[in-house]
Amino acid sequence: MKRPAAIIPFLLSLVACAGVSSHAELPLPLEHRSSAPPRAAGDAHAPVSVQEPERGHEGPYRSVRIQQLRIMTPYTIERGGTEVALVPSYLDYGTARVGQFVTELEFGLLDSLLAEAEIPFNAIDVDGQPSHAGLGDLAFALKYQFPRLEALDLHSAVGAELSVPTGDEDRGLGAGDPGGAMFVALQRDIDRWSFVTDFVIEVQRHESPRYGWDGAAVFRPGEAPLYTMLGLNVEWEPSGESGTSLVPGLEYELDDVSLGLGVPIGLNEEAQDFGVILLVEFEL
């Protein structure tokens, strides 16, 4: 449920604490985002579809994820449904490069209640230091979507996540302590547009909370199942510094499979310079 690359801030900070020589300006942005490579996770809705909704929620877009924009959404699946999302990502911070491959398993406990397990594989390379790769911290999450607010055509959800320190802290692959996150997500659909926003709070033992805000606009230009989107990620570190990124993206549907692409572009020194996030989602 984290935004893609969610563990990355922890990876970089852990590497620094372990004595890795890093540039003084090495950014340590907040990412909920496993789901989220980052917050991570992710786990959004989008514009008017030519077909009836297939989900338990009343969203007009079958694959309301937009994980590739690192944004949490009110997305859920029908009771008894199962989905798998593969979210590989690469982020370049100038003096460090971080890759992540997250496998997300999602289960519909109820039409409005989603359970998720995330299995991340992390790789980190810092200038002048040995590279490391291996299993990251596992994460388990629940998300509840409220009934649609008819008057505003508004979808909303709340969620919580627990991370388990299965990654090797000494190699910078995990946080070393349990952690958690809570979030609120909103979406409104207007004609062929969908507007999504979230607010995320992440906590880690022995650390001050991290905060994140994200927003996105999604547009379906024609009858083809192609969606264009533009997202904005803002992440506040305990130090008070904030990393801001612009994330243009695309998503295309192929029957029960959705393919997505996001390209994070850092707008300040605290964010990554650039990156690529892919999404492959399918139903079982």
Protein backbone atom coordinates (compact mmCIF):
# COMPACT_ATOMS: atom_id res chain seq x y z
CA MET A 1 0.00 0.00 0.00
CA LYS A 2 2.98 2.21 0.20
CA ARG A 3 3.82 4.50 -2.62
CA PRO A 4 6.57 3.02 -4.72
CA ALA A 5 9.99 3.37 -3.11
CA ALA A 6 8.61 4.11 0.31
CA ILE A 7 11.53 2.54 2.15
CA ILE A 8 14.11 4.56 0.23
CA PRO A 9 14.50 7.38 2.78
CA PHE A 10 15.24 4.78 5.42
CA LEU A 11 17.68 2.95 3.15
CA LEU A 12 19.69 6.08 2.44
CA SER A 13 19.68 7.26 6.05
CA LEU A 14 20.72 3.83 7.29
CA VAL A 15 23.57 3.67 4.81
CA ALA A 16 24.71 7.11 5.97
CA CYS A 17 24.53 6.05 9.62
CA ALA A 18 26.55 2.94 8.82
CA GLY A 19 29.45 5.13 7.84
CA VAL A 20 28.89 5.34 4.10
CA SER A 21 30.49 8.42 2.65
CA SER A 22 27.63 10.38 1.09
CA HIS A 23 27.41 13.90 -0.25
CA ALA A 24 26.17 16.45 2.26
CA GLU A 25 23.27 17.23 -0.03
CA LEU A 26 22.10 13.62 -0.34
CA PRO A 27 18.30 13.91 -0.15
CA LEU A 28 16.34 11.78 2.25
CA PRO A 29 12.79 12.24 1.00
CA LEU A 30 9.72 10.73 2.62
CA GLU A 31 8.12 7.98 0.57
CA HIS A 32 5.03 6.16 1.80
CA ARG A 33 4.86 5.78 -0.26
CA SER A 34 6.38 0.95 -0.82
CA SER A 35 3.68 1.55 -1.42
CA ALA A 36 5.61 2.55 -1.61
CA PRO A 37 9.20 2.27 -3.54
CA PRO A 38 8.69 4.58 -1.90
CA ARG A 39 5.32 4.84 -0.07
CA ALA A 40 4.87 2.33 -1.32
CA ALA A 41 2.54 0.64 -1.64
CA GLY A 42 1.51 1.23 -3.12
CA ASP A 43 -2.00 2.01 -3.60
CA ALA A 44 -5.80 5.94 -8.08
CA HIS A 45 -9.08 6.20 -9.55
CA ALA A 46 -9.53 7.82 -12.84
CA PRO A 47 -11.93 9.19 -15.32
CA VAL A 48 -15.07 8.00 -16.95
CA SER A 49 -14.90 4.49 -18.37
CA VAL A 50 -16.96 3.06 -21.23
CA GLN A 51 -17.72 0.03 -19.05
CA GLU A 52 -19.55 -0.38 -15.78
CA PRO A 53 -17.35 -0.48 -12.66
CA GLU A 54 -16.16 -3.98 -11.81
CA ARG A 55 -15.10 -3.24 -8.25
CA GLY A 56 -16.79 -3.12 -4.90
CA HIS A 57 -16.22 0.64 -4.82
CA GLU A 58 -18.18 2.93 -7.08
CA GLY A 59 -15.23 4.27 -9.03
CA PRO A 60 -15.57 4.78 -12.79
CA TYR A 61 -12.09 3.41 -13.47
CA ARG A 62 -11.32 -0.27 -13.08
CA SER A 63 -7.67 0.11 -12.09
CA VAL A 64 -7.78 2.96 -9.61
CA ARG A 65 -4.19 2.60 -8.44
CA ILE A 66 -1.78 5.02 -10.09
CA GLN A 67 0.98 3.51 -7.97
CA GLN A 68 3.41 4.91 -10.53
CA LEU A 69 2.62 8.41 -9.23
CA ARG A 70 3.40 7.43 -5.60
CA ILE A 71 -0.09 8.38 -4.48
CA MET A 72 -2.49 6.62 -2.13
CA THR A 73 -6.07 6.28 -3.38
CA PRO A 74 -9.48 5.03 -2.16
CA TYR A 75 -8.96 1.91 -4.29
CA THR A 76 -10.48 -1.39 -3.09
CA ILE A 77 -11.57 -4.65 -4.78
CA GLU A 78 -14.67 -6.76 -4.42
CA ARG A 79 -15.06 -9.28 -1.61
CA GLY A 80 -13.11 -12.46 -2.37
CA GLY A 81 -11.12 -10.80 -5.16
CA THR A 82 -7.36 -11.12 -5.47
CA GLU A 83 -4.91 -8.93 -7.36
CA VAL A 84 -1.15 -8.85 -7.81
CA ALA A 85 0.83 -5.70 -8.53
CA LEU A 86 4.49 -5.65 -9.57
CA VAL A 87 6.14 -2.26 -9.00
CA PRO A 88 9.79 -1.94 -10.10
CA SER A 89 11.41 1.46 -9.67
CA TYR A 90 14.72 3.27 -10.03
CA LEU A 91 15.55 6.61 -8.39
CA ASP A 92 18.73 8.62 -8.90
CA TYR A 93 19.83 10.99 -6.12
CA GLY A 94 23.05 12.13 -7.75
CA THR A 95 25.46 10.52 -5.28
CA ALA A 96 23.24 7.49 -4.70
CA ARG A 97 21.04 5.26 -6.79
CA VAL A 98 18.22 3.15 -5.38
CA GLY A 99 16.32 0.37 -7.10
CA GLN A 100 13.35 -1.50 -5.75
CA PHE A 101 11.10 -4.32 -6.93
CA VAL A 102 7.93 -4.66 -4.88
CA THR A 103 5.42 -7.50 -5.18
CA GLU A 104 2.03 -6.55 -3.74
CA LEU A 105 -0.65 -9.12 -2.97
CA GLU A 106 -4.15 -7.69 -2.43
CA PHE A 107 -7.24 -9.41 -1.05
CA GLY A 108 -10.82 -8.16 -0.85
CA LEU A 109 -11.97 -9.02 2.67
CA LEU A 110 -15.19 -7.06 2.07
CA ASP A 111 -16.34 -4.95 -0.85
CA SER A 112 -15.01 -1.92 1.01
CA LEU A 113 -12.14 -3.49 2.98
CA LEU A 114 -8.80 -4.33 1.35
CA ALA A 115 -5.89 -6.28 2.87
CA GLU A 116 -2.44 -6.09 1.35
CA ALA A 117 0.99 -7.68 1.80
CA GLU A 118 4.13 -6.15 0.28
CA ILE A 119 7.38 -7.97 -0.42
CA PRO A 120 10.21 -5.57 -1.43
CA PHE A 121 13.58 -6.38 -2.94
CA ASN A 122 15.95 -3.43 -2.51
CA ALA A 123 19.22 -2.45 -4.16
CA ILE A 124 21.31 0.58 -3.21
CA ASP A 125 24.50 2.02 -4.65
CA VAL A 126 26.32 5.00 -3.13
CA ASP A 127 29.35 6.58 -4.79
CA GLY A 128 32.59 5.10 -3.48
CA GLN A 129 30.88 2.39 -1.45
CA PRO A 130 30.00 -1.29 -2.01
CA SER A 131 26.59 -1.93 -3.49
CA HIS A 132 24.03 -3.94 -1.56
CA ALA A 133 20.89 -5.82 -2.58
CA GLY A 134 18.43 -8.11 -0.85
CA LEU A 135 15.07 -8.47 0.85
CA GLY A 136 13.66 -5.32 2.41
CA ASP A 137 11.12 -4.85 5.19
CA LEU A 138 7.84 -6.69 4.69
CA ALA A 139 4.66 -4.63 5.10
CA PHE A 140 1.02 -5.48 5.83
CA ALA A 141 -1.85 -3.05 5.41
CA LEU A 142 -5.61 -2.58 5.65
CA LYS A 143 -7.68 0.00 3.78
CA TYR A 144 -11.36 0.87 4.26
CA GLN A 145 -13.32 2.79 1.65
CA PHE A 146 -16.34 4.78 2.81
CA PRO A 147 -19.59 4.88 0.81
CA ARG A 148 -19.45 7.36 -2.05
CA LEU A 149 -20.68 10.84 -1.20
CA GLU A 150 -23.34 11.18 -3.89
CA ALA A 151 -23.71 14.95 -3.83
CA LEU A 152 -20.03 15.53 -4.68
CA ASP A 153 -19.28 12.20 -6.39
CA LEU A 154 -16.51 11.88 -3.80
CA HIS A 155 -14.69 8.68 -2.86
CA SER A 156 -12.75 8.48 0.41
CA ALA A 157 -10.74 5.92 2.36
CA VAL A 158 -8.53 5.50 5.41
CA GLY A 159 -5.74 2.99 5.85
CA ALA A 160 -3.01 1.75 8.15
CA GLU A 161 0.18 -0.18 7.55
CA LEU A 162 2.69 -2.10 9.67
CA SER A 163 6.24 -2.80 8.48
CA VAL A 164 8.28 -5.71 9.81
CA PRO A 165 12.10 -5.33 10.00
CA THR A 166 13.06 -8.26 7.76
CA GLY A 167 15.66 -6.28 5.78
CA ASP A 168 19.33 -6.31 6.78
CA GLU A 169 19.88 -3.02 8.63
CA ASP A 170 23.68 -3.35 8.54
CA ARG A 171 23.60 -3.44 4.73
CA GLY A 172 21.12 -0.58 4.54
CA LEU A 173 18.28 -2.77 3.23
CA GLY A 174 15.87 -2.31 6.13
CA ALA A 175 14.99 0.05 8.97
CA GLY A 176 15.95 -2.33 11.77
CA ASP A 177 12.80 -1.53 13.78
CA PRO A 178 9.05 -1.96 13.23
CA GLY A 179 7.28 0.98 11.64
CA GLY A 180 3.84 2.08 10.61
CA ALA A 181 1.84 4.51 8.54
CA MET A 182 -1.66 5.96 8.43
CA PHE A 183 -3.29 7.80 5.56
CA VAL A 184 -6.44 9.44 4.25
CA ALA A 185 -7.22 9.43 0.52
CA LEU A 186 -9.87 11.33 -1.48
CA GLN A 187 -10.97 11.22 -5.11
CA ARG A 188 -13.48 13.20 -7.12
CA ASP A 189 -14.52 12.39 -10.69
CA ILE A 190 -15.68 15.10 -13.10
CA ASP A 191 -16.50 14.00 -16.65
CA ARG A 192 -13.29 12.55 -18.08
CA TRP A 193 -11.19 13.85 -15.20
CA SER A 194 -10.36 12.41 -11.79
CA PHE A 195 -8.67 14.37 -9.02
CA VAL A 196 -6.94 12.47 -6.22
CA THR A 197 -5.23 13.60 -3.03
CA ASP A 198 -3.81 11.94 0.07
CA PHE A 199 -2.17 12.78 3.38
CA VAL A 200 0.24 10.28 4.96
CA ILE A 201 1.87 10.04 8.40
CA GLU A 202 4.74 7.56 8.83
CA VAL A 203 6.27 6.57 12.12
CA GLN A 204 9.43 4.62 12.87
CA ARG A 205 10.74 3.59 16.26
CA HIS A 206 13.34 6.04 17.63
CA GLU A 207 12.52 8.57 14.89
CA SER A 208 10.24 11.59 14.56
CA PRO A 209 7.18 11.20 12.30
CA ARG A 210 7.40 11.86 8.58
CA TYR A 211 4.57 13.49 6.67
CA GLY A 212 3.57 13.38 3.03
CA TRP A 213 0.98 15.08 0.84
CA ASP A 214 0.24 14.11 -2.75
CA GLY A 215 -2.16 15.21 -5.45
CA ALA A 216 -2.88 14.13 -9.01
CA ALA A 217 -5.08 14.82 -12.00
CA VAL A 218 -5.98 11.91 -14.31
CA PHE A 219 -7.52 12.37 -17.77
CA ARG A 220 -8.92 9.94 -20.32
CA PRO A 221 -8.63 11.67 -23.71
CA GLY A 222 -10.67 9.21 -25.80
CA GLU A 223 -12.48 5.89 -25.84
CA ALA A 224 -9.26 3.86 -25.78
CA PRO A 225 -8.34 2.67 -22.23
CA LEU A 226 -5.39 5.07 -22.09
CA TYR A 227 -5.04 7.51 -19.19
CA THR A 228 -2.68 10.46 -18.89
CA MET A 229 -1.83 11.79 -15.46
CA LEU A 230 0.24 14.32 -13.57
CA GLY A 231 1.10 14.01 -9.89
CA LEU A 232 2.82 16.11 -7.23
CA ASN A 233 4.62 14.57 -4.22
CA VAL A 234 5.56 16.67 -1.17
CA GLU A 235 7.37 14.95 1.67
CA TRP A 236 8.48 16.45 4.99
CA GLU A 237 11.43 15.02 6.89
CA PRO A 238 11.79 15.25 10.71
CA SER A 239 14.48 17.88 10.09
CA GLY A 240 11.84 20.15 8.58
CA GLU A 241 13.19 19.86 5.04
CA SER A 242 10.74 18.94 2.31
CA GLY A 243 11.29 17.13 -0.97
CA THR A 244 9.00 18.02 -3.87
CA SER A 245 8.63 16.03 -7.08
CA LEU A 246 6.53 16.34 -10.21
CA VAL A 247 5.45 12.96 -11.64
CA PRO A 248 3.97 12.74 -15.16
CA GLY A 249 2.62 9.32 -16.05
CA LEU A 250 0.51 7.05 -18.24
CA GLU A 251 -1.63 3.96 -17.74
CA TYR A 252 -3.14 1.53 -20.24
CA GLU A 253 -5.60 -1.33 -19.69
CA LEU A 254 -5.40 -4.72 -21.39
CA ASP A 255 -8.42 -6.75 -20.30
CA ASP A 256 -7.54 -7.78 -16.72
CA VAL A 257 -4.03 -6.29 -16.86
CA SER A 258 -3.02 -2.66 -16.31
CA LEU A 259 0.34 -1.22 -17.34
CA GLY A 260 1.57 2.05 -15.84
CA LEU A 261 4.56 4.38 -16.08
CA GLY A 262 5.62 7.27 -13.83
CA VAL A 263 8.67 9.53 -14.17
CA PRO A 264 9.49 11.39 -10.91
CA ILE A 265 11.31 14.67 -11.50
CA GLY A 266 12.81 16.40 -8.47
CA LEU A 267 11.93 20.08 -8.05
CA ASN A 268 14.40 20.80 -5.24
CA GLU A 269 17.60 19.41 -3.71
CA GLU A 270 15.77 17.32 -1.12
CA ALA A 271 14.04 15.19 -3.81
CA GLN A 272 15.56 12.64 -6.17
CA ASP A 273 16.99 14.04 -9.40
CA PHE A 274 14.88 11.75 -11.55
CA GLY A 275 13.48 8.23 -11.65
CA VAL A 276 11.29 5.68 -13.36
CA ILE A 277 8.42 3.74 -11.75
CA LEU A 278 6.58 0.94 -13.55
CA LEU A 279 3.31 -0.77 -12.62
CA VAL A 280 2.03 -4.13 -13.82
CA GLU A 281 -1.25 -5.10 -12.17
CA PHE A 282 -3.40 -8.14 -12.87
CA GLU A 283 -6.31 -10.08 -11.39
CA LEU A 284 -6.17 -13.71 -10.30
